[in-house]
Amino acid sequence: MADTNGPAQISERLAGVELPRHIAIVMDGNGRWAQRQGQPRYAGHRAGARSVREVVEACGRLELEALTLFAFSSENWRRPRGEVRVLMQLFRTTLDQELQRLHENDVRLSFIGDRTQFEAGLQRRLTDAEALTAENTGLQLIVATSYGGRWEIAEAARRLAASAARGEVDPQSIDEDAFRGALSLPDVVDPDLFIRTGGERRISNFLLWQMAYTELHFAETLWPDFGTEGLARAIEDYAARDRRFGAVTSYPLKSVRHA
């Protein structure tokens, strides 16, 4: 088996494997990782940021279309103030440190979520990062922050209702495609593979509309330890599945005996 200790080797290991176009990840387990190491929770979040760097690089090397990371949920605002403050500071610091590297690697950055919850300086940072990388054609890295799937659906409904009230759209014409067009990133292909680390088995209000037919992979590994090896295993698991999207593979009917 090829050595997959780093992003540079993952392409060799997964050569010939059917790859997902879009991966979505809930990065769970930073706090538990820190606890097991006898360190404060913020140390786990910093270790998690290193795992983010490794996974983003690996997805770029695999030439995937998109990677969506659930960085901070709308529910996370209810965490202790001190932890929220640390998370926001880490988010700003990581963005400042990684932005140029991402740009040089042709990564296009997008952010989804309720930005109005952030202070003005961070809102400007997000807008500037998107503008800097807007013309890049490699991996699209989508960071969900202050985000919730129900919030996104409600926002889309409000946009469509406002358009209908202005006479711009006939309510009877609103179908799935129209609704999708009102979501945060309507032009991004739906996730093929969802990964959650840390042993929990739920999607936690993440991309509820987009993950109707997404394959789910739950890893026991805590996020700081996930890295390239965990990513490779998840993709191998995905490639072994038979995706039917609600259809049934044809098969011969068995004869029916009548009494």
Protein backbone atom coordinates (compact mmCIF):
# COMPACT_ATOMS: atom_id res chain seq x y z
CA MET A 1 0.00 0.00 0.00
CA ALA A 2 1.26 3.45 -0.87
CA ASP A 3 2.34 5.74 1.90
CA THR A 4 -0.46 8.24 2.50
CA ASN A 5 1.02 10.14 5.41
CA GLY A 6 0.74 13.39 3.48
CA PRO A 7 -1.30 15.05 0.74
CA ALA A 8 1.38 14.47 -1.88
CA GLN A 9 0.85 10.70 -1.82
CA ILE A 10 -2.94 10.51 -1.90
CA SER A 11 -3.20 10.69 -5.71
CA GLU A 12 -1.05 7.57 -6.01
CA ARG A 13 -3.14 5.63 -3.51
CA LEU A 14 -6.44 6.59 -5.12
CA ALA A 15 -5.33 6.18 -8.74
CA GLY A 16 -8.17 4.49 -10.62
CA VAL A 17 -10.67 5.02 -7.79
CA GLU A 18 -13.95 6.75 -8.58
CA LEU A 19 -13.67 10.12 -6.88
CA PRO A 20 -16.47 12.31 -5.56
CA ARG A 21 -16.81 15.71 -7.18
CA HIS A 22 -17.80 17.45 -3.95
CA ILE A 23 -17.05 16.45 -0.34
CA ALA A 24 -18.73 18.03 2.68
CA ILE A 25 -17.22 17.58 6.16
CA VAL A 26 -18.36 18.14 9.73
CA MET A 27 -15.05 18.46 11.56
CA ASP A 28 -15.94 17.09 14.99
CA GLY A 29 -13.76 16.13 17.94
CA ASN A 30 -11.36 19.02 18.53
CA GLY A 31 -12.41 19.47 22.16
CA ARG A 32 -12.25 15.77 22.97
CA TRP A 33 -8.85 15.53 21.31
CA ALA A 34 -7.53 18.30 23.55
CA GLN A 35 -9.03 16.68 26.63
CA ARG A 36 -7.31 13.38 25.85
CA GLN A 37 -4.05 15.25 25.43
CA GLY A 38 -4.53 17.00 28.76
CA GLN A 39 -4.67 20.37 26.98
CA PRO A 40 -7.23 23.22 26.92
CA ARG A 41 -9.94 23.13 24.26
CA TYR A 42 -8.34 25.87 22.17
CA ALA A 43 -5.34 23.59 21.63
CA GLY A 44 -7.69 21.12 19.97
CA HIS A 45 -9.05 23.80 17.66
CA ARG A 46 -5.51 24.77 16.65
CA ALA A 47 -4.66 21.14 15.95
CA GLY A 48 -7.86 20.92 13.93
CA ALA A 49 -6.72 23.85 11.79
CA ARG A 50 -3.62 21.86 10.82
CA SER A 51 -5.84 18.97 9.74
CA VAL A 52 -7.87 21.41 7.63
CA ARG A 53 -4.71 22.48 5.80
CA GLU A 54 -3.79 18.87 5.04
CA VAL A 55 -7.25 17.87 3.81
CA VAL A 56 -7.62 20.97 1.63
CA GLU A 57 -4.26 20.30 0.01
CA ALA A 58 -5.17 16.66 -0.58
CA CYS A 59 -8.49 17.58 -2.22
CA GLY A 60 -6.66 20.02 -4.46
CA ARG A 61 -4.19 17.35 -5.52
CA LEU A 62 -7.08 15.01 -6.30
CA GLU A 63 -8.57 17.78 -8.49
CA LEU A 64 -11.96 17.62 -6.80
CA GLU A 65 -14.42 20.35 -7.74
CA ALA A 66 -15.49 21.41 -4.25
CA LEU A 67 -14.88 20.88 -0.55
CA THR A 68 -17.31 22.30 2.02
CA LEU A 69 -16.19 22.52 5.64
CA PHE A 70 -18.61 23.16 8.50
CA ALA A 71 -16.46 25.53 10.52
CA PHE A 72 -18.97 27.20 12.85
CA SER A 73 -22.68 26.52 13.14
CA SER A 74 -25.39 28.98 14.07
CA GLU A 75 -25.87 26.90 17.22
CA ASN A 76 -22.20 27.35 18.18
CA TRP A 77 -22.94 30.92 19.26
CA ARG A 78 -24.47 29.34 22.37
CA ARG A 79 -21.10 27.98 23.51
CA PRO A 80 -19.28 29.68 26.41
CA ARG A 81 -18.22 33.22 25.47
CA GLY A 82 -14.57 32.48 26.04
CA GLU A 83 -14.59 29.55 23.63
CA VAL A 84 -16.50 31.54 20.99
CA ARG A 85 -13.93 34.34 21.32
CA VAL A 86 -11.08 31.86 20.82
CA LEU A 87 -12.81 30.32 17.80
CA MET A 88 -13.33 33.70 16.15
CA GLN A 89 -9.71 34.68 16.78
CA LEU A 90 -8.50 31.36 15.36
CA PHE A 91 -10.74 31.81 12.33
CA ARG A 92 -9.29 35.28 11.64
CA THR A 93 -5.71 34.14 12.22
CA THR A 94 -6.04 31.03 10.06
CA LEU A 95 -7.64 33.01 7.24
CA ASP A 96 -4.85 35.59 7.34
CA GLN A 97 -2.13 32.91 7.43
CA GLU A 98 -3.57 30.62 4.75
CA LEU A 99 -5.14 33.01 2.25
CA GLN A 100 -2.03 33.64 0.15
CA ARG A 101 -1.15 29.94 0.08
CA LEU A 102 -4.68 29.07 -1.04
CA HIS A 103 -4.54 31.74 -3.73
CA GLU A 104 -1.19 30.49 -5.03
CA ASN A 105 -2.63 26.95 -5.18
CA ASP A 106 -5.53 28.18 -7.35
CA VAL A 107 -8.16 27.59 -4.64
CA ARG A 108 -11.35 29.64 -4.87
CA LEU A 109 -12.79 30.59 -1.48
CA SER A 110 -16.48 31.00 -0.73
CA PHE A 111 -18.21 31.56 2.60
CA ILE A 112 -21.81 30.64 3.39
CA GLY A 113 -23.78 31.55 6.50
CA ASP A 114 -25.17 34.57 8.30
CA ARG A 115 -22.30 37.06 8.09
CA THR A 116 -24.29 39.72 9.92
CA GLN A 117 -23.42 37.91 13.15
CA PHE A 118 -19.73 38.79 12.69
CA GLU A 119 -18.07 42.05 13.56
CA ALA A 120 -17.49 44.39 10.62
CA GLY A 121 -13.76 43.72 10.32
CA LEU A 122 -14.26 39.98 9.89
CA GLN A 123 -17.04 40.54 7.37
CA ARG A 124 -14.60 42.62 5.29
CA ARG A 125 -11.96 39.87 5.55
CA LEU A 126 -14.39 37.31 4.14
CA THR A 127 -15.43 39.57 1.28
CA ASP A 128 -11.80 40.43 0.45
CA ALA A 129 -10.77 36.74 0.48
CA GLU A 130 -13.57 35.87 -1.93
CA ALA A 131 -12.63 38.74 -4.22
CA LEU A 132 -8.93 37.80 -4.24
CA THR A 133 -9.61 34.19 -5.25
CA ALA A 134 -12.69 34.72 -7.43
CA GLU A 135 -10.89 34.02 -10.72
CA ASN A 136 -9.13 30.87 -9.51
CA THR A 137 -10.14 27.68 -11.30
CA GLY A 138 -8.96 24.91 -8.97
CA LEU A 139 -10.68 23.51 -5.90
CA GLN A 140 -13.60 25.56 -4.62
CA LEU A 141 -13.26 25.68 -0.83
CA ILE A 142 -16.59 26.55 0.77
CA VAL A 143 -16.48 27.45 4.45
CA ALA A 144 -19.80 27.29 6.29
CA THR A 145 -19.62 29.63 9.24
CA SER A 146 -22.47 31.01 11.36
CA TYR A 147 -24.41 28.57 9.18
CA GLY A 148 -27.41 26.30 9.61
CA GLY A 149 -29.24 24.27 6.99
CA ARG A 150 -32.66 25.39 8.22
CA TRP A 151 -31.47 29.00 8.19
CA GLU A 152 -30.36 28.63 4.56
CA ILE A 153 -33.71 27.15 3.50
CA ALA A 154 -35.63 29.89 5.34
CA GLU A 155 -33.45 32.55 3.69
CA ALA A 156 -34.15 31.06 0.26
CA ALA A 157 -37.88 31.06 0.99
CA ARG A 158 -37.72 34.71 2.05
CA ARG A 159 -35.88 35.68 -1.14
CA LEU A 160 -38.44 33.94 -3.32
CA ALA A 161 -41.34 35.43 -1.35
CA ALA A 162 -39.86 38.91 -1.76
CA SER A 163 -39.42 38.34 -5.51
CA ALA A 164 -43.03 37.19 -5.77
CA ALA A 165 -44.24 40.23 -3.82
CA ARG A 166 -42.41 42.51 -6.28
CA GLY A 167 -44.05 40.71 -9.18
CA GLU A 168 -40.73 39.35 -10.44
CA VAL A 169 -41.75 35.70 -10.20
CA ASP A 170 -45.03 33.82 -10.40
CA PRO A 171 -45.42 31.77 -7.18
CA GLN A 172 -46.91 28.92 -9.23
CA SER A 173 -43.70 28.71 -11.24
CA ILE A 174 -41.48 28.05 -8.21
CA ASP A 175 -40.14 24.52 -8.51
CA GLU A 176 -37.06 22.71 -7.16
CA ASP A 177 -34.78 24.41 -9.65
CA ALA A 178 -36.09 27.84 -8.72
CA PHE A 179 -35.67 27.09 -5.04
CA ARG A 180 -32.14 25.84 -5.59
CA GLY A 181 -31.37 29.09 -7.36
CA ALA A 182 -32.19 30.99 -4.18
CA LEU A 183 -29.78 28.97 -2.02
CA SER A 184 -26.31 30.13 -1.01
CA LEU A 185 -24.31 28.53 -3.84
CA PRO A 186 -26.75 27.45 -6.55
CA ASP A 187 -24.05 26.66 -9.12
CA VAL A 188 -22.08 24.23 -6.95
CA VAL A 189 -22.75 20.53 -7.53
CA ASP A 190 -24.42 18.79 -4.57
CA PRO A 191 -22.06 16.87 -2.27
CA ASP A 192 -21.41 13.28 -3.32
CA LEU A 193 -19.78 12.40 -0.01
CA PHE A 194 -20.45 13.65 3.51
CA ILE A 195 -17.88 12.92 6.21
CA ARG A 196 -18.30 13.41 9.93
CA THR A 197 -15.41 12.73 12.27
CA GLY A 198 -15.49 12.12 16.01
CA GLY A 199 -17.86 9.16 16.16
CA GLU A 200 -21.21 10.97 16.11
CA ARG A 201 -23.74 9.80 13.51
CA ARG A 202 -25.82 12.79 12.47
CA ILE A 203 -25.59 15.60 9.94
CA SER A 204 -26.29 18.40 12.46
CA ASN A 205 -28.30 20.83 10.34
CA PHE A 206 -25.69 20.89 7.56
CA LEU A 207 -26.59 21.36 3.87
CA LEU A 208 -30.06 19.89 4.40
CA TRP A 209 -31.33 20.68 0.90
CA GLN A 210 -28.14 19.67 -0.91
CA MET A 211 -27.57 16.28 0.74
CA ALA A 212 -30.71 14.47 -0.44
CA TYR A 213 -28.65 11.75 -2.17
CA THR A 214 -25.26 12.22 -0.55
CA GLU A 215 -23.34 9.17 0.67
CA LEU A 216 -22.65 9.39 4.42
CA HIS A 217 -19.37 8.32 6.02
CA PHE A 218 -18.94 8.45 9.79
CA ALA A 219 -15.40 8.16 11.15
CA GLU A 220 -14.51 7.41 14.76
CA THR A 221 -11.29 9.40 14.36
CA LEU A 222 -11.23 12.82 15.99
CA TRP A 223 -10.75 15.65 13.51
CA PRO A 224 -7.16 16.63 14.47
CA ASP A 225 -6.08 13.03 13.73
CA PHE A 226 -8.14 12.62 10.54
CA GLY A 227 -5.83 14.09 7.91
CA THR A 228 -5.02 12.51 4.57
CA GLU A 229 -5.31 8.92 5.79
CA GLY A 230 -8.85 9.45 7.03
CA LEU A 231 -9.78 11.21 3.80
CA ALA A 232 -8.39 8.38 1.69
CA ARG A 233 -10.35 5.78 3.66
CA ALA A 234 -13.56 7.77 3.32
CA ILE A 235 -13.13 8.07 -0.45
CA GLU A 236 -12.38 4.36 -0.76
CA ASP A 237 -15.56 3.62 1.18
CA TYR A 238 -17.50 5.94 -1.11
CA ALA A 239 -16.07 4.35 -4.26
CA ALA A 240 -17.20 0.89 -3.11
CA ARG A 241 -20.86 1.92 -2.91
CA ASP A 242 -23.56 1.56 -5.56
CA ARG A 243 -25.22 4.96 -5.97
CA ARG A 244 -28.71 4.63 -7.49
CA PHE A 245 -30.27 8.02 -6.63
CA GLY A 246 -33.61 6.41 -5.83
CA ALA A 247 -33.66 4.19 -8.91
CA VAL A 248 -33.62 0.39 -8.87
CA THR A 249 -31.10 -1.66 -10.80
CA SER A 250 -32.94 -3.89 -13.25
CA TYR A 251 -33.06 -7.55 -12.37
CA PRO A 252 -35.01 -10.57 -13.65
CA LEU A 253 -38.36 -11.12 -11.99
CA LYS A 254 -38.70 -14.35 -10.08
CA SER A 255 -41.48 -16.64 -11.18
CA VAL A 256 -44.54 -16.60 -8.97
CA ARG A 257 -46.16 -19.85 -8.01
CA HIS A 258 -49.91 -19.97 -7.79
CA ALA A 259 -51.72 -22.42 -5.58
